[in-house]
């Protein structure tokens, strides 16, 4: 996170089908990464720019990828802050809400994104990791019918989610990530993990749990992690439909067409991919049917 100082029951997957889906998922992820490549430790591709920060130092042989949210007003303001020597902070990449990417340092150079941190028996993850900052306000406070960030900006209801962080006791409001942001994060993570043979994909919240909550519950970190590390064959969470009928669609939104008859209350599904408002699921009794449903109408079994 970058912030300016303020004045169950589970199904065992069928091996053959899981293998096919895993291979397909890996192939899809690799195909997506064709639009991005790495040359001399710099990203190359459409909607990518490089603006070097002075807040860096030392050689880096990365082992991990760390996701953050910026907790800033915009990608531009966060980039300016990470370029400012007074901030004493930086990251390798800032991923904007429109999917554009700004790289601030080569991937073989240390940046200052992790701070006091520990993971996998190591301390000081700046020396072992690549940092991705995602433009996102983080936790919000409800003010009337709007939702306010720490810096005062108000967001509408369609830009927020209500969720409990895995490290907190109570749920609260969070700024939602955009679909293109999540897609680009997955693409970028796939490329970086493959190119540098990274061991793990984690959040700032994982390596500094006593003081950080980013990228937060609005970001599907576990799904990204499973996808890029080739763990699609692991057992999936199981849910049941709570609405009398629930449309299952070809994409994450009401603008997408239905792929089958509406699901009835009590229908059991397996989670394939989690987003802020929509989940991609597969029917337990008919594994040939998969699609997107609104997560408001699912309850964990």
Protein backbone atom coordinates (compact mmCIF):
# COMPACT_ATOMS: atom_id res chain seq x y z
CA UNK A 1 0.00 0.00 0.00
CA UNK A 2 1.15 3.53 -0.78
CA UNK A 3 -0.43 6.27 1.29
CA UNK A 4 0.66 9.86 1.58
CA UNK A 5 1.11 11.01 5.11
CA UNK A 6 -2.06 12.84 6.03
CA UNK A 7 -1.66 16.42 7.36
CA UNK A 8 -17.26 -27.54 4.80
CA UNK A 9 -17.87 -29.95 2.40
CA UNK A 10 -15.82 -30.06 -0.72
CA UNK A 11 -15.88 -32.05 -3.88
CA UNK A 12 -12.85 -33.97 -5.08
CA UNK A 13 -12.49 -32.96 -8.75
CA UNK A 14 -12.66 -35.64 -11.39
CA UNK A 15 -9.07 -36.16 -12.44
CA UNK A 16 -9.58 -36.33 -16.18
CA UNK A 17 -11.81 -33.29 -16.36
CA UNK A 18 -9.65 -31.33 -13.95
CA UNK A 19 -6.57 -32.04 -16.04
CA UNK A 20 -8.34 -30.84 -19.16
CA UNK A 21 -9.57 -27.68 -17.46
CA UNK A 22 -6.15 -27.02 -15.94
CA UNK A 23 -4.42 -27.36 -19.29
CA UNK A 24 -7.03 -25.13 -20.90
CA UNK A 25 -6.68 -22.51 -18.15
CA UNK A 26 -2.91 -22.49 -18.44
CA UNK A 27 -3.10 -22.18 -22.18
CA UNK A 28 -5.55 -19.31 -21.90
CA UNK A 29 -3.37 -17.48 -19.39
CA UNK A 30 -0.29 -17.88 -21.56
CA UNK A 31 -2.19 -16.71 -24.62
CA UNK A 32 -3.29 -13.59 -22.74
CA UNK A 33 0.32 -12.77 -21.90
CA UNK A 34 1.27 -12.52 -25.57
CA UNK A 35 0.33 -8.82 -25.42
CA UNK A 36 3.03 -8.27 -22.77
CA UNK A 37 6.65 -9.36 -22.75
CA UNK A 38 9.82 -8.63 -20.80
CA UNK A 39 13.01 -7.37 -22.41
CA UNK A 40 16.04 -6.45 -20.32
CA UNK A 41 13.88 -6.55 -17.18
CA UNK A 42 11.39 -4.05 -18.61
CA UNK A 43 7.80 -4.60 -19.69
CA UNK A 44 7.04 -4.23 -23.37
CA UNK A 45 3.52 -4.01 -24.75
CA UNK A 46 0.50 -1.90 -25.46
CA UNK A 47 -0.53 0.57 -22.74
CA UNK A 48 2.84 0.19 -20.98
CA UNK A 49 5.13 3.11 -20.13
CA UNK A 50 8.40 3.38 -18.20
CA UNK A 51 9.17 6.30 -15.89
CA UNK A 52 12.12 5.56 -13.63
CA UNK A 53 11.96 6.41 -9.95
CA UNK A 54 15.00 7.37 -7.90
CA UNK A 55 13.54 5.48 -4.93
CA UNK A 56 15.35 2.23 -5.57
CA UNK A 57 18.70 0.58 -5.04
CA UNK A 58 20.62 -2.66 -5.26
CA UNK A 59 20.38 -5.74 -7.41
CA UNK A 60 17.32 -7.96 -7.13
CA UNK A 61 16.91 -11.64 -7.94
CA UNK A 62 13.16 -11.88 -7.27
CA UNK A 63 11.55 -14.91 -5.66
CA UNK A 64 8.06 -13.56 -4.97
CA UNK A 65 5.40 -11.26 -6.38
CA UNK A 66 3.62 -8.91 -3.95
CA UNK A 67 0.31 -7.16 -4.71
CA UNK A 68 -0.63 -3.85 -3.05
CA UNK A 69 -3.28 -1.17 -3.35
CA UNK A 70 -2.15 2.44 -3.60
CA UNK A 71 -4.77 4.01 -1.26
CA UNK A 72 -4.38 7.07 -3.47
CA UNK A 73 -6.68 9.37 -5.46
CA UNK A 74 -5.49 8.16 -8.86
CA UNK A 75 -2.76 6.21 -10.59
CA UNK A 76 -1.13 9.51 -11.62
CA UNK A 77 -1.03 10.87 -8.07
CA UNK A 78 0.40 7.58 -6.77
CA UNK A 79 3.06 7.52 -9.48
CA UNK A 80 4.05 11.09 -8.57
CA UNK A 81 4.31 10.10 -4.93
CA UNK A 82 6.43 7.03 -5.73
CA UNK A 83 8.72 9.25 -7.80
CA UNK A 84 9.14 11.75 -4.95
CA UNK A 85 12.35 11.15 -2.92
CA UNK A 86 10.53 12.41 0.19
CA UNK A 87 8.12 9.47 0.06
CA UNK A 88 10.92 6.91 0.56
CA UNK A 89 8.58 4.46 -1.19
CA UNK A 90 8.33 2.89 -4.61
CA UNK A 91 7.21 -0.19 -6.51
CA UNK A 92 8.08 -1.84 -9.78
CA UNK A 93 4.68 -1.30 -11.40
CA UNK A 94 1.54 0.79 -10.96
CA UNK A 95 -1.58 -0.72 -12.54
CA UNK A 96 -4.26 1.90 -13.26
CA UNK A 97 -8.00 1.35 -13.15
CA UNK A 98 -8.20 1.51 -16.96
CA UNK A 99 -5.63 -1.28 -17.29
CA UNK A 100 -2.66 0.89 -18.28
CA UNK A 101 0.67 -0.01 -16.71
CA UNK A 102 3.51 2.26 -15.60
CA UNK A 103 6.81 0.66 -14.69
CA UNK A 104 8.98 2.61 -12.25
CA UNK A 105 12.03 0.37 -11.99
CA UNK A 106 13.50 -2.65 -13.81
CA UNK A 107 12.53 -5.99 -12.30
CA UNK A 108 16.15 -6.76 -11.38
CA UNK A 109 16.40 -3.69 -9.11
CA UNK A 110 15.06 -3.42 -5.55
CA UNK A 111 12.17 -1.07 -4.88
CA UNK A 112 10.77 0.05 -1.54
CA UNK A 113 7.28 -1.43 -1.46
CA UNK A 114 7.30 -4.04 1.31
CA UNK A 115 8.72 -2.28 4.36
CA UNK A 116 9.03 -4.35 7.53
CA UNK A 117 7.93 -7.75 6.26
CA UNK A 118 8.41 -11.50 6.65
CA UNK A 119 7.60 -14.47 4.41
CA UNK A 120 8.78 -18.03 3.96
CA UNK A 121 11.50 -17.62 6.60
CA UNK A 122 12.82 -14.39 5.08
CA UNK A 123 12.70 -10.83 6.41
CA UNK A 124 12.69 -7.61 4.41
CA UNK A 125 10.82 -8.64 1.25
CA UNK A 126 12.12 -5.63 -0.69
CA UNK A 127 15.22 -7.75 -1.24
CA UNK A 128 13.29 -10.72 -2.60
CA UNK A 129 10.19 -9.52 -4.42
CA UNK A 130 8.59 -7.60 -7.27
CA UNK A 131 5.93 -5.12 -6.12
CA UNK A 132 2.74 -4.27 -8.03
CA UNK A 133 0.70 -1.29 -6.83
CA UNK A 134 -2.93 -1.31 -7.99
CA UNK A 135 -4.82 1.99 -8.14
CA UNK A 136 -7.48 1.50 -5.47
CA UNK A 137 -8.68 3.57 -2.52
CA UNK A 138 -8.78 0.64 -0.08
CA UNK A 139 -11.22 0.76 2.88
CA UNK A 140 -14.09 3.27 2.74
CA UNK A 141 -16.51 4.88 5.20
CA UNK A 142 -20.23 5.14 4.45
CA UNK A 143 -21.40 8.76 4.34
CA UNK A 144 -25.09 9.05 3.44
CA UNK A 145 -25.57 7.16 0.19
CA UNK A 146 -21.88 7.50 -0.76
CA UNK A 147 -18.64 5.90 0.39
CA UNK A 148 -15.69 8.06 1.40
CA UNK A 149 -11.96 7.38 1.14
CA UNK A 150 -9.49 8.63 3.73
CA UNK A 151 -8.56 11.52 1.41
CA UNK A 152 -12.17 12.69 1.06
CA UNK A 153 -13.26 11.40 -2.37
CA UNK A 154 -16.77 9.95 -2.45
CA UNK A 155 -17.63 6.82 -4.42
CA UNK A 156 -21.01 5.52 -5.60
CA UNK A 157 -22.49 2.19 -4.52
CA UNK A 158 -21.56 0.49 -7.80
CA UNK A 159 -17.87 1.16 -7.03
CA UNK A 160 -17.72 -0.55 -3.65
CA UNK A 161 -18.15 -3.92 -1.99
CA UNK A 162 -18.95 -4.90 1.60
CA UNK A 163 -16.64 -7.67 2.77
CA UNK A 164 -14.64 -8.99 5.71
CA UNK A 165 -10.89 -9.00 5.41
CA UNK A 166 -9.35 -12.33 6.38
CA UNK A 167 -7.36 -10.58 9.12
CA UNK A 168 -10.30 -8.59 10.56
CA UNK A 169 -13.22 -9.56 12.77
CA UNK A 170 -15.89 -7.41 11.12
CA UNK A 171 -16.79 -6.60 7.48
CA UNK A 172 -16.52 -3.09 6.07
CA UNK A 173 -16.72 -1.20 2.79
CA UNK A 174 -13.94 -1.45 0.22
CA UNK A 175 -13.23 0.21 -3.12
CA UNK A 176 -13.87 -2.31 -5.90
CA UNK A 177 -11.24 -3.10 -8.53
CA UNK A 178 -12.25 -2.82 -12.18
CA UNK A 179 -12.63 -5.89 -14.37
CA UNK A 180 -9.84 -4.76 -16.71
CA UNK A 181 -7.57 -4.16 -13.70
CA UNK A 182 -8.11 -7.70 -12.46
CA UNK A 183 -7.59 -9.10 -15.95
CA UNK A 184 -4.33 -7.16 -16.42
CA UNK A 185 -3.14 -8.17 -12.94
CA UNK A 186 -3.65 -11.82 -13.87
CA UNK A 187 -1.86 -11.36 -17.19
CA UNK A 188 1.04 -9.53 -15.57
CA UNK A 189 1.36 -12.05 -12.75
CA UNK A 190 1.39 -14.94 -15.21
CA UNK A 191 4.17 -13.31 -17.20
CA UNK A 192 6.31 -12.40 -14.17
CA UNK A 193 5.97 -15.80 -12.49
CA UNK A 194 6.92 -17.60 -15.68
CA UNK A 195 9.78 -15.25 -16.67
CA UNK A 196 11.46 -15.11 -13.24
CA UNK A 197 10.36 -18.53 -11.98
CA UNK A 198 8.79 -16.95 -8.91
CA UNK A 199 7.93 -19.17 -5.97
CA UNK A 200 4.76 -17.48 -4.73
CA UNK A 201 2.22 -14.68 -5.25
CA UNK A 202 1.18 -12.87 -2.06
CA UNK A 203 -0.39 -9.68 -0.76
CA UNK A 204 1.13 -6.98 1.41
CA UNK A 205 -1.36 -8.23 3.99
CA UNK A 206 0.40 -11.63 3.98
CA UNK A 207 3.94 -10.38 4.49
CA UNK A 208 3.03 -7.61 6.98
CA UNK A 209 -0.23 -8.78 8.62
CA UNK A 210 0.22 -6.69 11.75
CA UNK A 211 0.00 -3.40 9.83
CA UNK A 212 -1.30 -3.89 6.26
CA UNK A 213 -4.60 -4.87 4.64
CA UNK A 214 -3.79 -4.58 0.94
CA UNK A 215 -4.75 -5.60 -1.68
CA UNK A 216 -7.83 -6.42 0.46
CA UNK A 217 -10.89 -8.63 -0.04
CA UNK A 218 -12.04 -6.79 -3.18
CA UNK A 219 -9.10 -8.32 -5.09
CA UNK A 220 -9.31 -12.07 -5.95
CA UNK A 221 -5.76 -12.78 -4.82
CA UNK A 222 -6.23 -16.48 -4.10
CA UNK A 223 -7.70 -17.08 -7.55
CA UNK A 224 -4.88 -15.17 -9.22
CA UNK A 225 -2.36 -17.10 -7.14
CA UNK A 226 -3.88 -20.46 -7.99
CA UNK A 227 -4.08 -19.62 -11.68
CA UNK A 228 -0.55 -18.35 -12.19
CA UNK A 229 1.05 -21.05 -10.07
CA UNK A 230 -0.80 -23.79 -11.92
CA UNK A 231 -3.01 -24.86 -9.01
CA UNK A 232 -6.33 -24.91 -10.83
CA UNK A 233 -6.72 -28.60 -9.99
CA UNK A 234 -7.00 -27.99 -6.24
CA UNK A 235 -10.33 -28.58 -4.55
CA UNK A 236 -12.77 -25.72 -4.99
CA UNK A 237 -15.14 -24.07 -2.54
CA UNK A 238 -18.72 -25.29 -2.78
CA UNK A 239 -21.83 -23.06 -2.64
CA UNK A 240 -25.59 -23.33 -3.00
CA UNK A 241 -28.05 -20.97 -4.64
CA UNK A 242 -30.19 -18.97 -2.17
CA UNK A 243 -32.49 -17.19 -4.67
CA UNK A 244 -35.63 -18.84 -6.02
CA UNK A 245 -34.03 -18.64 -9.48
CA UNK A 246 -30.60 -17.38 -10.50
CA UNK A 247 -29.35 -16.65 -14.01
CA UNK A 248 -26.01 -18.18 -14.97
CA UNK A 249 -24.36 -16.02 -17.62
CA UNK A 250 -21.52 -16.12 -20.12
CA UNK A 251 -19.71 -13.22 -18.44
CA UNK A 252 -19.57 -11.22 -15.17
CA UNK A 253 -22.52 -8.86 -15.71
CA UNK A 254 -26.21 -8.66 -16.59
CA UNK A 255 -25.30 -7.60 -20.12
CA UNK A 256 -24.07 -11.15 -20.82
CA UNK A 257 -26.46 -13.81 -22.11
CA UNK A 258 -27.56 -16.85 -20.10
CA UNK A 259 -25.75 -20.11 -20.78
CA UNK A 260 -28.45 -22.39 -19.35
CA UNK A 261 -31.82 -22.42 -17.64
CA UNK A 262 -31.89 -20.36 -14.42
CA UNK A 263 -30.58 -22.22 -11.39
CA UNK A 264 -33.10 -23.13 -8.71
CA UNK A 265 -32.74 -22.53 -4.99
CA UNK A 266 -30.52 -25.19 -3.41
CA UNK A 267 -28.56 -25.92 -6.58
CA UNK A 268 -24.96 -26.66 -5.61
CA UNK A 269 -22.07 -25.12 -7.52
CA UNK A 270 -18.28 -25.17 -7.29
CA UNK A 271 -16.32 -21.90 -7.34
CA UNK A 272 -14.00 -21.49 -10.35
CA UNK A 273 -13.19 -17.77 -10.13
CA UNK A 274 -14.14 -15.06 -7.65
CA UNK A 275 -14.69 -11.40 -8.50
CA UNK A 276 -16.02 -8.51 -6.42
CA UNK A 277 -19.70 -9.05 -7.39
CA UNK A 278 -19.68 -12.02 -9.75
CA UNK A 279 -18.38 -15.56 -9.36
CA UNK A 280 -17.61 -18.05 -12.09
CA UNK A 281 -19.05 -21.41 -11.06
CA UNK A 282 -19.61 -24.96 -12.28
CA UNK A 283 -22.68 -27.02 -11.48
CA UNK A 284 -21.94 -29.96 -9.18
CA UNK A 285 -24.49 -32.30 -10.79
CA UNK A 286 -23.78 -31.18 -14.34
CA UNK A 287 -20.11 -30.28 -14.68
CA UNK A 288 -20.56 -29.44 -18.35
CA UNK A 289 -22.36 -26.23 -17.35
CA UNK A 290 -20.28 -23.34 -16.07
CA UNK A 291 -20.83 -19.58 -16.09
CA UNK A 292 -21.10 -16.43 -14.01
CA UNK A 293 -23.59 -15.73 -11.22
CA UNK A 294 -24.05 -12.79 -8.86
CA UNK A 295 -22.38 -13.71 -5.57
CA UNK A 296 -25.16 -12.05 -3.52
CA UNK A 297 -27.24 -15.18 -4.09
CA UNK A 298 -24.69 -17.81 -3.07
CA UNK A 299 -24.10 -19.32 0.37
CA UNK A 300 -21.11 -21.46 1.27
CA UNK A 301 -21.96 -25.09 1.91
